[in-house]
Amino acid sequence: MPPKGQIRGTALGRPAQPKGYARNFLNEVTKQENRSVVTSVAFFAAGVAFLHSSWSEILLPP
């Protein structure tokens, strides 16, 4: 029979504290199954930032 403090929660018998919003967000973003979506969003954001910057003038014909 397990010790009474380790039946559920931490070793002291208290329930484990829920993770915060930021930790849950980072866990979801870094999962392997979400990698393609995160990569697509990152490339889209980089493209928008490039086109909004002064570097986008490179694309104009001479």
C-alpha atoms as a PDB file:
ATOM      1  CA  MET A   1       0.000   0.000   0.000  1.00  0.00           C
ATOM      2  CA  PRO A   2       1.481   3.413  -0.942  1.00  0.00           C
ATOM      3  CA  PRO A   3       2.081   6.024   1.735  1.00  0.00           C
ATOM      4  CA  LYS A   4      -0.935   8.235   2.343  1.00  0.00           C
ATOM      5  CA  GLY A   5       0.912  11.386   1.221  1.00  0.00           C
ATOM      6  CA  GLN A   6       1.657   9.962  -2.229  1.00  0.00           C
ATOM      7  CA  ILE A   7      -1.783   8.739  -3.190  1.00  0.00           C
ATOM      8  CA  ARG A   8      -2.559  11.952  -5.042  1.00  0.00           C
ATOM      9  CA  GLY A   9      -0.741  15.244  -5.539  1.00  0.00           C
ATOM     10  CA  THR A  10       2.661  15.976  -4.071  1.00  0.00           C
ATOM     11  CA  ALA A  11       4.564  14.065  -1.417  1.00  0.00           C
ATOM     12  CA  LEU A  12       3.043  16.236   1.319  1.00  0.00           C
ATOM     13  CA  GLY A  13      -0.503  15.274   0.415  1.00  0.00           C
ATOM     14  CA  ARG A  14      -1.414  18.608  -1.167  1.00  0.00           C
ATOM     15  CA  PRO A  15      -2.901  18.602  -4.645  1.00  0.00           C
ATOM     16  CA  ALA A  16      -0.491  19.678  -7.361  1.00  0.00           C
ATOM     17  CA  GLN A  17      -0.819  23.331  -8.306  1.00  0.00           C
ATOM     18  CA  PRO A  18      -2.206  23.997 -11.777  1.00  0.00           C
ATOM     19  CA  LYS A  19       0.269  25.335 -14.302  1.00  0.00           C
ATOM     20  CA  GLY A  20       0.048  28.948 -15.350  1.00  0.00           C
ATOM     21  CA  TYR A  21      -1.186  30.299 -18.662  1.00  0.00           C
ATOM     22  CA  ALA A  22       2.294  31.003 -19.998  1.00  0.00           C
ATOM     23  CA  ARG A  23       3.558  27.500 -19.175  1.00  0.00           C
ATOM     24  CA  ASN A  24       0.541  25.875 -20.843  1.00  0.00           C
ATOM     25  CA  PHE A  25       1.013  28.082 -23.915  1.00  0.00           C
ATOM     26  CA  LEU A  26       4.692  27.186 -24.224  1.00  0.00           C
ATOM     27  CA  ASN A  27       3.957  23.484 -23.790  1.00  0.00           C
ATOM     28  CA  GLU A  28       1.375  23.581 -26.585  1.00  0.00           C
ATOM     29  CA  VAL A  29       3.586  25.611 -28.924  1.00  0.00           C
ATOM     30  CA  THR A  30       6.593  23.330 -28.505  1.00  0.00           C
ATOM     31  CA  LYS A  31       4.723  20.072 -29.145  1.00  0.00           C
ATOM     32  CA  GLN A  32       5.811  18.127 -32.233  1.00  0.00           C
ATOM     33  CA  GLU A  33       2.265  17.981 -33.629  1.00  0.00           C
ATOM     34  CA  ASN A  34       2.019  21.807 -33.686  1.00  0.00           C
ATOM     35  CA  ARG A  35       5.406  22.420 -35.323  1.00  0.00           C
ATOM     36  CA  SER A  36       4.058  23.010 -38.857  1.00  0.00           C
ATOM     37  CA  VAL A  37       1.496  25.558 -37.686  1.00  0.00           C
ATOM     38  CA  VAL A  38       4.043  27.428 -35.564  1.00  0.00           C
ATOM     39  CA  THR A  39       6.524  27.473 -38.458  1.00  0.00           C
ATOM     40  CA  SER A  40       3.875  28.797 -40.859  1.00  0.00           C
ATOM     41  CA  VAL A  41       2.846  31.571 -38.473  1.00  0.00           C
ATOM     42  CA  ALA A  42       6.492  32.531 -37.896  1.00  0.00           C
ATOM     43  CA  PHE A  43       7.232  32.761 -41.635  1.00  0.00           C
ATOM     44  CA  PHE A  44       4.057  34.763 -42.232  1.00  0.00           C
ATOM     45  CA  ALA A  45       4.963  37.199 -39.432  1.00  0.00           C
ATOM     46  CA  ALA A  46       8.502  37.564 -40.805  1.00  0.00           C
ATOM     47  CA  GLY A  47       7.119  38.268 -44.292  1.00  0.00           C
ATOM     48  CA  VAL A  48       4.713  40.904 -43.019  1.00  0.00           C
ATOM     49  CA  ALA A  49       7.484  42.534 -40.987  1.00  0.00           C
ATOM     50  CA  PHE A  50       9.760  42.566 -44.055  1.00  0.00           C
ATOM     51  CA  LEU A  51       7.123  44.078 -46.321  1.00  0.00           C
ATOM     52  CA  HIS A  52       6.279  46.708 -43.717  1.00  0.00           C
ATOM     53  CA  SER A  53       9.911  47.756 -43.276  1.00  0.00           C
ATOM     54  CA  SER A  54      12.058  49.956 -45.474  1.00  0.00           C
ATOM     55  CA  TRP A  55      13.810  46.822 -46.768  1.00  0.00           C
ATOM     56  CA  SER A  56      10.773  46.121 -48.954  1.00  0.00           C
ATOM     57  CA  GLU A  57      12.022  48.808 -51.356  1.00  0.00           C
ATOM     58  CA  ILE A  58      14.487  46.198 -52.614  1.00  0.00           C
ATOM     59  CA  LEU A  59      11.564  44.527 -54.388  1.00  0.00           C
ATOM     60  CA  LEU A  60      10.700  47.623 -56.437  1.00  0.00           C
ATOM     61  CA  PRO A  61      12.006  47.694 -60.031  1.00  0.00           C
ATOM     62  CA  PRO A  62      14.849  50.129 -60.704  1.00  0.00           C
END
